[in-house]
PDB file of N, CA and C in Angstrom:
ATOM      1  N   MET A   1     -28.129 -17.899  11.389  1.00  0.00           N
ATOM      2  CA  MET A   1     -28.136 -17.195  12.654  1.00  0.00           C
ATOM      3  C   MET A   1     -27.421 -18.017  13.720  1.00  0.00           C
ATOM      4  N   SER A   2     -26.660 -17.349  14.521  1.00  0.00           N
ATOM      5  CA  SER A   2     -25.971 -18.006  15.613  1.00  0.00           C
ATOM      6  C   SER A   2     -26.952 -18.235  16.760  1.00  0.00           C
ATOM      7  N   PRO A   3     -26.943 -19.459  17.317  1.00  0.00           N
ATOM      8  CA  PRO A   3     -27.844 -19.717  18.440  1.00  0.00           C
ATOM      9  C   PRO A   3     -27.327 -19.124  19.750  1.00  0.00           C
ATOM     10  N   PHE A   4     -26.105 -18.643  19.738  1.00  0.00           N
ATOM     11  CA  PHE A   4     -25.494 -18.136  20.956  1.00  0.00           C
ATOM     12  C   PHE A   4     -25.687 -16.630  21.071  1.00  0.00           C
ATOM     13  N   LYS A   5     -25.910 -16.191  22.284  1.00  0.00           N
ATOM     14  CA  LYS A   5     -26.087 -14.767  22.557  1.00  0.00           C
ATOM     15  C   LYS A   5     -24.822 -14.228  23.214  1.00  0.00           C
ATOM     16  N   SER A   6     -24.517 -12.997  22.894  1.00  0.00           N
ATOM     17  CA  SER A   6     -23.414 -12.334  23.587  1.00  0.00           C
ATOM     18  C   SER A   6     -23.974 -11.760  24.886  1.00  0.00           C
ATOM     19  N   SER A   7     -23.099 -11.253  25.725  1.00  0.00           N
ATOM     20  CA  SER A   7     -23.586 -10.684  26.987  1.00  0.00           C
ATOM     21  C   SER A   7     -24.333  -9.371  26.759  1.00  0.00           C
ATOM     22  N   THR A   8     -24.313  -8.854  25.521  1.00  0.00           N
ATOM     23  CA  THR A   8     -25.081  -7.651  25.196  1.00  0.00           C
ATOM     24  C   THR A   8     -26.532  -7.982  24.867  1.00  0.00           C
ATOM     25  N   GLY A   9     -26.842  -9.277  24.730  1.00  0.00           N
ATOM     26  CA  GLY A   9     -28.191  -9.692  24.369  1.00  0.00           C
ATOM     27  C   GLY A   9     -28.363  -9.907  22.876  1.00  0.00           C
ATOM     28  N   LEU A  10     -27.378  -9.504  22.086  1.00  0.00           N
ATOM     29  CA  LEU A  10     -27.421  -9.713  20.638  1.00  0.00           C
ATOM     30  C   LEU A  10     -26.875 -11.093  20.298  1.00  0.00           C
ATOM     31  N   ASP A  11     -27.280 -11.630  19.142  1.00  0.00           N
ATOM     32  CA  ASP A  11     -26.651 -12.852  18.660  1.00  0.00           C
ATOM     33  C   ASP A  11     -25.172 -12.560  18.433  1.00  0.00           C
ATOM     34  N   GLU A  12     -24.326 -13.587  18.643  1.00  0.00           N
ATOM     35  CA  GLU A  12     -22.883 -13.396  18.484  1.00  0.00           C
ATOM     36  C   GLU A  12     -22.518 -12.869  17.103  1.00  0.00           C
ATOM     37  N   ASN A  13     -23.140 -13.431  16.072  1.00  0.00           N
ATOM     38  CA  ASN A  13     -22.763 -13.015  14.717  1.00  0.00           C
ATOM     39  C   ASN A  13     -23.157 -11.563  14.446  1.00  0.00           C
ATOM     40  N   ILE A  14     -24.266 -11.111  14.993  1.00  0.00           N
ATOM     41  CA  ILE A  14     -24.680  -9.714  14.817  1.00  0.00           C
ATOM     42  C   ILE A  14     -23.721  -8.788  15.572  1.00  0.00           C
ATOM     43  N   ALA A  15     -23.412  -9.132  16.810  1.00  0.00           N
ATOM     44  CA  ALA A  15     -22.486  -8.311  17.601  1.00  0.00           C
ATOM     45  C   ALA A  15     -21.105  -8.276  16.952  1.00  0.00           C
ATOM     46  N   GLY A  16     -20.652  -9.422  16.424  1.00  0.00           N
ATOM     47  CA  GLY A  16     -19.362  -9.460  15.733  1.00  0.00           C
ATOM     48  C   GLY A  16     -19.356  -8.580  14.500  1.00  0.00           C
ATOM     49  N   ALA A  17     -20.451  -8.599  13.746  1.00  0.00           N
ATOM     50  CA  ALA A  17     -20.541  -7.768  12.539  1.00  0.00           C
ATOM     51  C   ALA A  17     -20.556  -6.284  12.894  1.00  0.00           C
ATOM     52  N   LEU A  18     -21.163  -5.937  14.012  1.00  0.00           N
ATOM     53  CA  LEU A  18     -21.194  -4.529  14.430  1.00  0.00           C
ATOM     54  C   LEU A  18     -19.792  -3.997  14.730  1.00  0.00           C
ATOM     55  N   CYS A  19     -18.880  -4.902  15.134  1.00  0.00           N
ATOM     56  CA  CYS A  19     -17.492  -4.489  15.371  1.00  0.00           C
ATOM     57  C   CYS A  19     -16.865  -3.931  14.103  1.00  0.00           C
ATOM     58  N   TYR A  20     -17.238  -4.487  12.963  1.00  0.00           N
ATOM     59  CA  TYR A  20     -16.699  -4.019  11.684  1.00  0.00           C
ATOM     60  C   TYR A  20     -17.559  -2.910  11.094  1.00  0.00           C
ATOM     61  N   PHE A  21     -18.873  -3.031  11.219  1.00  0.00           N
ATOM     62  CA  PHE A  21     -19.780  -2.077  10.579  1.00  0.00           C
ATOM     63  C   PHE A  21     -19.557  -0.653  11.081  1.00  0.00           C
ATOM     64  N   PHE A  22     -19.393  -0.499  12.383  1.00  0.00           N
ATOM     65  CA  PHE A  22     -19.217   0.833  12.960  1.00  0.00           C
ATOM     66  C   PHE A  22     -17.751   1.180  13.221  1.00  0.00           C
ATOM     67  N   GLY A  23     -16.835   0.384  12.705  1.00  0.00           N
ATOM     68  CA  GLY A  23     -15.406   0.689  12.801  1.00  0.00           C
ATOM     69  C   GLY A  23     -14.909   0.765  14.230  1.00  0.00           C
ATOM     70  N   PHE A  24     -14.080   1.768  14.487  1.00  0.00           N
ATOM     71  CA  PHE A  24     -13.452   1.896  15.807  1.00  0.00           C
ATOM     72  C   PHE A  24     -14.474   2.023  16.927  1.00  0.00           C
ATOM     73  N   ILE A  25     -15.512   2.798  16.696  1.00  0.00           N
ATOM     74  CA  ILE A  25     -16.505   3.039  17.758  1.00  0.00           C
ATOM     75  C   ILE A  25     -17.213   1.741  18.131  1.00  0.00           C
ATOM     76  N   GLY A  26     -17.654   0.990  17.130  1.00  0.00           N
ATOM     77  CA  GLY A  26     -18.337  -0.270  17.399  1.00  0.00           C
ATOM     78  C   GLY A  26     -17.432  -1.276  18.083  1.00  0.00           C
ATOM     79  N   ALA A  27     -16.179  -1.351  17.626  1.00  0.00           N
ATOM     80  CA  ALA A  27     -15.237  -2.303  18.215  1.00  0.00           C
ATOM     81  C   ALA A  27     -14.931  -1.947  19.666  1.00  0.00           C
ATOM     82  N   ILE A  28     -14.673  -0.681  19.932  1.00  0.00           N
ATOM     83  CA  ILE A  28     -14.361  -0.261  21.305  1.00  0.00           C
ATOM     84  C   ILE A  28     -15.569  -0.463  22.214  1.00  0.00           C
ATOM     85  N   LEU A  29     -16.738  -0.100  21.733  1.00  0.00           N
ATOM     86  CA  LEU A  29     -17.954  -0.245  22.526  1.00  0.00           C
ATOM     87  C   LEU A  29     -18.233  -1.715  22.853  1.00  0.00           C
ATOM     88  N   LEU A  30     -18.158  -2.579  21.842  1.00  0.00           N
ATOM     89  CA  LEU A  30     -18.435  -3.995  22.094  1.00  0.00           C
ATOM     90  C   LEU A  30     -17.337  -4.654  22.915  1.00  0.00           C
ATOM     91  N   LEU A  31     -16.108  -4.210  22.753  1.00  0.00           N
ATOM     92  CA  LEU A  31     -15.030  -4.748  23.579  1.00  0.00           C
ATOM     93  C   LEU A  31     -15.246  -4.372  25.045  1.00  0.00           C
ATOM     94  N   ALA A  32     -15.747  -3.178  25.287  1.00  0.00           N
ATOM     95  CA  ALA A  32     -16.014  -2.736  26.659  1.00  0.00           C
ATOM     96  C   ALA A  32     -17.230  -3.439  27.260  1.00  0.00           C
ATOM     97  N   LEU A  33     -18.246  -3.703  26.438  1.00  0.00           N
ATOM     98  CA  LEU A  33     -19.492  -4.284  26.949  1.00  0.00           C
ATOM     99  C   LEU A  33     -19.476  -5.807  27.030  1.00  0.00           C
ATOM    100  N   GLU A  34     -18.737  -6.444  26.141  1.00  0.00           N
ATOM    101  CA  GLU A  34     -18.788  -7.905  26.057  1.00  0.00           C
ATOM    102  C   GLU A  34     -17.966  -8.549  27.165  1.00  0.00           C
ATOM    103  N   LYS A  35     -18.592  -9.462  27.882  1.00  0.00           N
ATOM    104  CA  LYS A  35     -17.919 -10.151  28.984  1.00  0.00           C
ATOM    105  C   LYS A  35     -17.829 -11.662  28.763  1.00  0.00           C
ATOM    106  N   ARG A  36     -18.655 -12.211  27.855  1.00  0.00           N
ATOM    107  CA  ARG A  36     -18.792 -13.656  27.755  1.00  0.00           C
ATOM    108  C   ARG A  36     -18.328 -14.222  26.420  1.00  0.00           C
ATOM    109  N   SER A  37     -18.675 -13.609  25.322  1.00  0.00           N
ATOM    110  CA  SER A  37     -18.444 -14.187  24.003  1.00  0.00           C
ATOM    111  C   SER A  37     -17.032 -13.921  23.493  1.00  0.00           C
ATOM    112  N   ARG A  38     -16.255 -14.982  23.360  1.00  0.00           N
ATOM    113  CA  ARG A  38     -14.901 -14.850  22.824  1.00  0.00           C
ATOM    114  C   ARG A  38     -14.946 -14.510  21.341  1.00  0.00           C
ATOM    115  N   PHE A  39     -16.000 -14.939  20.655  1.00  0.00           N
ATOM    116  CA  PHE A  39     -16.188 -14.618  19.235  1.00  0.00           C
ATOM    117  C   PHE A  39     -16.282 -13.105  19.051  1.00  0.00           C
ATOM    118  N   VAL A  40     -17.100 -12.463  19.845  1.00  0.00           N
ATOM    119  CA  VAL A  40     -17.288 -11.012  19.735  1.00  0.00           C
ATOM    120  C   VAL A  40     -16.019 -10.276  20.162  1.00  0.00           C
ATOM    121  N   MET A  41     -15.393 -10.707  21.237  1.00  0.00           N
ATOM    122  CA  MET A  41     -14.174 -10.041  21.690  1.00  0.00           C
ATOM    123  C   MET A  41     -13.057 -10.174  20.656  1.00  0.00           C
ATOM    124  N   PHE A  42     -12.928 -11.368  20.042  1.00  0.00           N
ATOM    125  CA  PHE A  42     -11.907 -11.568  19.010  1.00  0.00           C
ATOM    126  C   PHE A  42     -12.134 -10.621  17.836  1.00  0.00           C
ATOM    127  N   HIS A  43     -13.373 -10.540  17.364  1.00  0.00           N
ATOM    128  CA  HIS A  43     -13.644  -9.689  16.207  1.00  0.00           C
ATOM    129  C   HIS A  43     -13.528  -8.201  16.551  1.00  0.00           C
ATOM    130  N   ALA A  44     -13.827  -7.829  17.778  1.00  0.00           N
ATOM    131  CA  ALA A  44     -13.636  -6.430  18.184  1.00  0.00           C
ATOM    132  C   ALA A  44     -12.150  -6.078  18.164  1.00  0.00           C
ATOM    133  N   LEU A  45     -11.324  -6.956  18.714  1.00  0.00           N
ATOM    134  CA  LEU A  45      -9.879  -6.711  18.715  1.00  0.00           C
ATOM    135  C   LEU A  45      -9.315  -6.720  17.300  1.00  0.00           C
ATOM    136  N   GLN A  46      -9.732  -7.690  16.507  1.00  0.00           N
ATOM    137  CA  GLN A  46      -9.229  -7.785  15.141  1.00  0.00           C
ATOM    138  C   GLN A  46      -9.618  -6.549  14.330  1.00  0.00           C
ATOM    139  N   SER A  47     -10.828  -6.072  14.531  1.00  0.00           N
ATOM    140  CA  SER A  47     -11.281  -4.864  13.850  1.00  0.00           C
ATOM    141  C   SER A  47     -10.421  -3.663  14.246  1.00  0.00           C
ATOM    142  N   LEU A  48     -10.146  -3.525  15.524  1.00  0.00           N
ATOM    143  CA  LEU A  48      -9.299  -2.419  15.989  1.00  0.00           C
ATOM    144  C   LEU A  48      -7.911  -2.479  15.365  1.00  0.00           C
ATOM    145  N   PHE A  49      -7.301  -3.659  15.369  1.00  0.00           N
ATOM    146  CA  PHE A  49      -5.950  -3.795  14.832  1.00  0.00           C
ATOM    147  C   PHE A  49      -5.922  -3.602  13.316  1.00  0.00           C
ATOM    148  N   ALA A  50      -6.878  -4.185  12.604  1.00  0.00           N
ATOM    149  CA  ALA A  50      -6.889  -4.094  11.139  1.00  0.00           C
ATOM    150  C   ALA A  50      -7.124  -2.665  10.672  1.00  0.00           C
ATOM    151  N   PHE A  51      -8.159  -2.034  11.198  1.00  0.00           N
ATOM    152  CA  PHE A  51      -8.470  -0.686  10.741  1.00  0.00           C
ATOM    153  C   PHE A  51      -7.502   0.343  11.322  1.00  0.00           C
ATOM    154  N   GLY A  52      -6.914   0.034  12.468  1.00  0.00           N
ATOM    155  CA  GLY A  52      -5.855   0.893  12.996  1.00  0.00           C
ATOM    156  C   GLY A  52      -4.645   0.899  12.069  1.00  0.00           C
ATOM    157  N   ALA A  53      -4.298  -0.271  11.535  1.00  0.00           N
ATOM    158  CA  ALA A  53      -3.182  -0.362  10.589  1.00  0.00           C
ATOM    159  C   ALA A  53      -3.486   0.400   9.305  1.00  0.00           C
ATOM    160  N   VAL A  54      -4.730   0.328   8.840  1.00  0.00           N
ATOM    161  CA  VAL A  54      -5.112   1.066   7.629  1.00  0.00           C
ATOM    162  C   VAL A  54      -5.005   2.572   7.873  1.00  0.00           C
ATOM    163  N   VAL A  55      -5.445   3.032   9.025  1.00  0.00           N
ATOM    164  CA  VAL A  55      -5.367   4.464   9.347  1.00  0.00           C
ATOM    165  C   VAL A  55      -3.906   4.915   9.442  1.00  0.00           C
ATOM    166  N   VAL A  56      -3.074   4.131  10.111  1.00  0.00           N
ATOM    167  CA  VAL A  56      -1.651   4.471  10.212  1.00  0.00           C
ATOM    168  C   VAL A  56      -1.023   4.499   8.820  1.00  0.00           C
ATOM    169  N   GLY A  57      -1.391   3.536   7.980  1.00  0.00           N
ATOM    170  CA  GLY A  57      -0.891   3.523   6.608  1.00  0.00           C
ATOM    171  C   GLY A  57      -1.298   4.761   5.834  1.00  0.00           C
ATOM    172  N   HIS A  58      -2.526   5.214   6.039  1.00  0.00           N
ATOM    173  CA  HIS A  58      -2.989   6.443   5.380  1.00  0.00           C
ATOM    174  C   HIS A  58      -2.177   7.652   5.837  1.00  0.00           C
ATOM    175  N   VAL A  59      -1.933   7.737   7.120  1.00  0.00           N
ATOM    176  CA  VAL A  59      -1.154   8.862   7.642  1.00  0.00           C
ATOM    177  C   VAL A  59       0.263   8.832   7.064  1.00  0.00           C
ATOM    178  N   LEU A  60       0.876   7.655   7.060  1.00  0.00           N
ATOM    179  CA  LEU A  60       2.237   7.540   6.536  1.00  0.00           C
ATOM    180  C   LEU A  60       2.294   7.785   5.034  1.00  0.00           C
ATOM    181  N   SER A  61       1.260   7.388   4.308  1.00  0.00           N
ATOM    182  CA  SER A  61       1.260   7.615   2.855  1.00  0.00           C
ATOM    183  C   SER A  61       1.206   9.106   2.530  1.00  0.00           C
ATOM    184  N   GLY A  62       0.672   9.896   3.435  1.00  0.00           N
ATOM    185  CA  GLY A  62       0.650  11.340   3.238  1.00  0.00           C
ATOM    186  C   GLY A  62       2.030  11.965   3.311  1.00  0.00           C
ATOM    187  N   LEU A  63       2.981  11.235   3.865  1.00  0.00           N
ATOM    188  CA  LEU A  63       4.348  11.735   3.983  1.00  0.00           C
ATOM    189  C   LEU A  63       5.214  11.378   2.776  1.00  0.00           C
ATOM    190  N   ILE A  64       4.688  10.544   1.881  1.00  0.00           N
ATOM    191  CA  ILE A  64       5.458  10.078   0.728  1.00  0.00           C
ATOM    192  C   ILE A  64       5.085  10.904  -0.500  1.00  0.00           C
ATOM    193  N   PRO A  65       6.053  11.622  -1.056  1.00  0.00           N
ATOM    194  CA  PRO A  65       5.737  12.411  -2.252  1.00  0.00           C
ATOM    195  C   PRO A  65       5.521  11.503  -3.469  1.00  0.00           C
ATOM    196  N   LEU A  66       4.707  11.936  -4.378  1.00  0.00           N
ATOM    197  CA  LEU A  66       4.388  11.284  -5.647  1.00  0.00           C
ATOM    198  C   LEU A  66       3.621   9.970  -5.493  1.00  0.00           C
ATOM    199  N   LEU A  67       4.168   8.996  -4.806  1.00  0.00           N
ATOM    200  CA  LEU A  67       3.501   7.699  -4.676  1.00  0.00           C
ATOM    201  C   LEU A  67       2.503   7.648  -3.523  1.00  0.00           C
ATOM    202  N   GLY A  68       2.532   8.633  -2.665  1.00  0.00           N
ATOM    203  CA  GLY A  68       1.636   8.667  -1.512  1.00  0.00           C
ATOM    204  C   GLY A  68       0.164   8.583  -1.867  1.00  0.00           C
ATOM    205  N   PRO A  69      -0.316   9.382  -2.826  1.00  0.00           N
ATOM    206  CA  PRO A  69      -1.737   9.296  -3.194  1.00  0.00           C
ATOM    207  C   PRO A  69      -2.134   7.926  -3.758  1.00  0.00           C
ATOM    208  N   LEU A  70      -1.238   7.317  -4.524  1.00  0.00           N
ATOM    209  CA  LEU A  70      -1.520   5.973  -5.050  1.00  0.00           C
ATOM    210  C   LEU A  70      -1.601   4.965  -3.907  1.00  0.00           C
ATOM    211  N   LEU A  71      -0.664   5.048  -2.989  1.00  0.00           N
ATOM    212  CA  LEU A  71      -0.668   4.160  -1.828  1.00  0.00           C
ATOM    213  C   LEU A  71      -1.923   4.367  -0.984  1.00  0.00           C
ATOM    214  N   ALA A  72      -2.322   5.612  -0.805  1.00  0.00           N
ATOM    215  CA  ALA A  72      -3.539   5.910  -0.038  1.00  0.00           C
ATOM    216  C   ALA A  72      -4.765   5.319  -0.723  1.00  0.00           C
ATOM    217  N   SER A  73      -4.817   5.392  -2.044  1.00  0.00           N
ATOM    218  CA  SER A  73      -5.942   4.808  -2.787  1.00  0.00           C
ATOM    219  C   SER A  73      -5.979   3.295  -2.628  1.00  0.00           C
ATOM    220  N   LEU A  74      -4.816   2.661  -2.709  1.00  0.00           N
ATOM    221  CA  LEU A  74      -4.750   1.207  -2.529  1.00  0.00           C
ATOM    222  C   LEU A  74      -5.157   0.808  -1.112  1.00  0.00           C
ATOM    223  N   LEU A  75      -4.748   1.591  -0.133  1.00  0.00           N
ATOM    224  CA  LEU A  75      -5.142   1.318   1.252  1.00  0.00           C
ATOM    225  C   LEU A  75      -6.647   1.484   1.445  1.00  0.00           C
ATOM    226  N   SER A  76      -7.227   2.449   0.760  1.00  0.00           N
ATOM    227  CA  SER A  76      -8.683   2.630   0.838  1.00  0.00           C
ATOM    228  C   SER A  76      -9.406   1.415   0.273  1.00  0.00           C
ATOM    229  N   LEU A  77      -8.934   0.925  -0.866  1.00  0.00           N
ATOM    230  CA  LEU A  77      -9.534  -0.280  -1.458  1.00  0.00           C
ATOM    231  C   LEU A  77      -9.363  -1.484  -0.539  1.00  0.00           C
ATOM    232  N   LEU A  78      -8.193  -1.612   0.054  1.00  0.00           N
ATOM    233  CA  LEU A  78      -7.944  -2.703   0.991  1.00  0.00           C
ATOM    234  C   LEU A  78      -8.876  -2.602   2.195  1.00  0.00           C
ATOM    235  N   GLY A  79      -9.047  -1.401   2.725  1.00  0.00           N
ATOM    236  CA  GLY A  79      -9.938  -1.201   3.869  1.00  0.00           C
ATOM    237  C   GLY A  79     -11.374  -1.574   3.553  1.00  0.00           C
ATOM    238  N   VAL A  80     -11.848  -1.193   2.371  1.00  0.00           N
ATOM    239  CA  VAL A  80     -13.224  -1.536   1.972  1.00  0.00           C
ATOM    240  C   VAL A  80     -13.355  -3.045   1.781  1.00  0.00           C
ATOM    241  N   ALA A  81     -12.338  -3.672   1.172  1.00  0.00           N
ATOM    242  CA  ALA A  81     -12.381  -5.125   0.966  1.00  0.00           C
ATOM    243  C   ALA A  81     -12.422  -5.862   2.304  1.00  0.00           C
ATOM    244  N   ILE A  82     -11.578  -5.451   3.239  1.00  0.00           N
ATOM    245  CA  ILE A  82     -11.577  -6.068   4.571  1.00  0.00           C
ATOM    246  C   ILE A  82     -12.933  -5.872   5.232  1.00  0.00           C
ATOM    247  N   TRP A  83     -13.474  -4.677   5.128  1.00  0.00           N
ATOM    248  CA  TRP A  83     -14.764  -4.358   5.740  1.00  0.00           C
ATOM    249  C   TRP A  83     -15.860  -5.280   5.213  1.00  0.00           C
ATOM    250  N   VAL A  84     -15.966  -5.419   3.895  1.00  0.00           N
ATOM    251  CA  VAL A  84     -17.023  -6.238   3.290  1.00  0.00           C
ATOM    252  C   VAL A  84     -16.832  -7.716   3.628  1.00  0.00           C
ATOM    253  N   ILE A  85     -15.605  -8.212   3.482  1.00  0.00           N
ATOM    254  CA  ILE A  85     -15.333  -9.632   3.742  1.00  0.00           C
ATOM    255  C   ILE A  85     -15.604  -9.981   5.199  1.00  0.00           C
ATOM    256  N   MET A  86     -15.148  -9.138   6.120  1.00  0.00           N
ATOM    257  CA  MET A  86     -15.329  -9.442   7.536  1.00  0.00           C
ATOM    258  C   MET A  86     -16.780  -9.284   7.978  1.00  0.00           C
ATOM    259  N   LEU A  87     -17.498  -8.342   7.393  1.00  0.00           N
ATOM    260  CA  LEU A  87     -18.933  -8.230   7.688  1.00  0.00           C
ATOM    261  C   LEU A  87     -19.653  -9.512   7.280  1.00  0.00           C
ATOM    262  N   ALA A  88     -19.378  -9.984   6.067  1.00  0.00           N
ATOM    263  CA  ALA A  88     -20.028 -11.206   5.573  1.00  0.00           C
ATOM    264  C   ALA A  88     -19.640 -12.414   6.418  1.00  0.00           C
ATOM    265  N   ALA A  89     -18.365 -12.524   6.766  1.00  0.00           N
ATOM    266  CA  ALA A  89     -17.899 -13.674   7.543  1.00  0.00           C
ATOM    267  C   ALA A  89     -18.522 -13.705   8.937  1.00  0.00           C
ATOM    268  N   THR A  90     -18.555 -12.569   9.609  1.00  0.00           N
ATOM    269  CA  THR A  90     -19.107 -12.564  10.966  1.00  0.00           C
ATOM    270  C   THR A  90     -20.616 -12.778  10.960  1.00  0.00           C
ATOM    271  N   LEU A  91     -21.297 -12.269   9.954  1.00  0.00           N
ATOM    272  CA  LEU A  91     -22.743 -12.516   9.875  1.00  0.00           C
ATOM    273  C   LEU A  91     -23.043 -13.997   9.678  1.00  0.00           C
ATOM    274  N   GLN A  92     -22.103 -14.726   9.064  1.00  0.00           N
ATOM    275  CA  GLN A  92     -22.256 -16.170   8.891  1.00  0.00           C
ATOM    276  C   GLN A  92     -21.727 -16.945  10.093  1.00  0.00           C
ATOM    277  N   GLY A  93     -21.170 -16.245  11.073  1.00  0.00           N
ATOM    278  CA  GLY A  93     -20.666 -16.895  12.280  1.00  0.00           C
ATOM    279  C   GLY A  93     -19.288 -17.505  12.121  1.00  0.00           C
ATOM    280  N   LYS A  94     -18.514 -17.081  11.121  1.00  0.00           N
ATOM    281  CA  LYS A  94     -17.190 -17.654  10.864  1.00  0.00           C
ATOM    282  C   LYS A  94     -16.121 -16.930  11.675  1.00  0.00           C
ATOM    283  N   TRP A  95     -15.132 -17.703  12.108  1.00  0.00           N
ATOM    284  CA  TRP A  95     -13.974 -17.159  12.807  1.00  0.00           C
ATOM    285  C   TRP A  95     -12.885 -16.867  11.777  1.00  0.00           C
ATOM    286  N   LEU A  96     -13.132 -15.980  10.854  1.00  0.00           N
ATOM    287  CA  LEU A  96     -12.152 -15.643   9.828  1.00  0.00           C
ATOM    288  C   LEU A  96     -11.071 -14.776  10.453  1.00  0.00           C
ATOM    289  N   LYS A  97      -9.817 -15.237  10.288  1.00  0.00           N
ATOM    290  CA  LYS A  97      -8.694 -14.543  10.915  1.00  0.00           C
ATOM    291  C   LYS A  97      -7.856 -13.861   9.842  1.00  0.00           C
ATOM    292  N   LEU A  98      -7.674 -12.563   9.974  1.00  0.00           N
ATOM    293  CA  LEU A  98      -6.811 -11.808   9.068  1.00  0.00           C
ATOM    294  C   LEU A  98      -5.353 -12.094   9.419  1.00  0.00           C
ATOM    295  N   PRO A  99      -4.439 -12.040   8.426  1.00  0.00           N
ATOM    296  CA  PRO A  99      -3.050 -12.443   8.675  1.00  0.00           C
ATOM    297  C   PRO A  99      -2.367 -11.789   9.878  1.00  0.00           C
ATOM    298  N   LEU A 100      -2.208 -10.520   9.952  1.00  0.00           N
ATOM    299  CA  LEU A 100      -1.483  -9.912  11.078  1.00  0.00           C
ATOM    300  C   LEU A 100      -2.411  -9.491  12.208  1.00  0.00           C
ATOM    301  N   ALA A 101      -3.508  -8.865  11.860  1.00  0.00           N
ATOM    302  CA  ALA A 101      -4.451  -8.383  12.873  1.00  0.00           C
ATOM    303  C   ALA A 101      -5.049  -9.544  13.663  1.00  0.00           C
ATOM    304  N   GLY A 102      -5.316 -10.657  13.000  1.00  0.00           N
ATOM    305  CA  GLY A 102      -5.870 -11.827  13.676  1.00  0.00           C
ATOM    306  C   GLY A 102      -4.893 -12.432  14.664  1.00  0.00           C
ATOM    307  N   ASP A 103      -3.600 -12.467  14.286  1.00  0.00           N
ATOM    308  CA  ASP A 103      -2.580 -12.980  15.205  1.00  0.00           C
ATOM    309  C   ASP A 103      -2.462 -12.093  16.440  1.00  0.00           C
ATOM    310  N   LEU A 104      -2.474 -10.785  16.223  1.00  0.00           N
ATOM    311  CA  LEU A 104      -2.422  -9.858  17.359  1.00  0.00           C
ATOM    312  C   LEU A 104      -3.661  -9.999  18.247  1.00  0.00           C
ATOM    313  N   ALA A 105      -4.818 -10.166  17.618  1.00  0.00           N
ATOM    314  CA  ALA A 105      -6.062 -10.323  18.382  1.00  0.00           C
ATOM    315  C   ALA A 105      -6.031 -11.604  19.208  1.00  0.00           C
ATOM    316  N   GLU A 106      -5.533 -12.701  18.615  1.00  0.00           N
ATOM    317  CA  GLU A 106      -5.432 -13.960  19.368  1.00  0.00           C
ATOM    318  C   GLU A 106      -4.486 -13.818  20.550  1.00  0.00           C
ATOM    319  N   LYS A 107      -3.364 -13.157  20.322  1.00  0.00           N
ATOM    320  CA  LYS A 107      -2.397 -12.958  21.402  1.00  0.00           C
ATOM    321  C   LYS A 107      -3.021 -12.131  22.529  1.00  0.00           C
ATOM    322  N   GLN A 108      -3.756 -11.097  22.165  1.00  0.00           N
ATOM    323  CA  GLN A 108      -4.411 -10.249  23.161  1.00  0.00           C
ATOM    324  C   GLN A 108      -5.524 -11.010  23.882  1.00  0.00           C
ATOM    325  N   MET A 109      -6.203 -11.905  23.177  1.00  0.00           N
ATOM    326  CA  MET A 109      -7.294 -12.694  23.783  1.00  0.00           C
ATOM    327  C   MET A 109      -6.771 -13.570  24.919  1.00  0.00           C
ATOM    328  N   ARG A 110      -5.547 -14.055  24.779  1.00  0.00           N
ATOM    329  CA  ARG A 110      -4.971 -14.896  25.835  1.00  0.00           C
ATOM    330  C   ARG A 110      -4.794 -14.117  27.134  1.00  0.00           C
ATOM    331  N   LYS A 111      -4.656 -12.805  27.015  1.00  0.00           N
ATOM    332  CA  LYS A 111      -4.465 -11.962  28.202  1.00  0.00           C
ATOM    333  C   LYS A 111      -5.784 -11.581  28.861  1.00  0.00           C
ATOM    334  N   LEU A 112      -6.903 -11.750  28.147  1.00  0.00           N
ATOM    335  CA  LEU A 112      -8.207 -11.360  28.699  1.00  0.00           C
ATOM    336  C   LEU A 112      -8.781 -12.455  29.558  1.00  0.00           C
TER     337      LEU A 112
END
């Protein structure tokens, strides 16, 4: 358990995990409510960017004949893998950074 509390009153690791557990809604809600914890804000942004990319990939895969369904299936597996890994990491209080989404989240954090 993280000894630090977010400005929502939840432990940082719980609030960070909620960013992934509830997807876009949880990330947007915690990004709007969180004022103090950089851990929670980072994971909210990373969740938005990562799952936003998966959704865009799904939409684009629908435009590809023949290979589109295979690509959509692979993206679904990737989305579930990211979801499980990031839930576990945030519950342990780790600052696990995804390759592209994490870089975008860090860049955005500098502006906050």
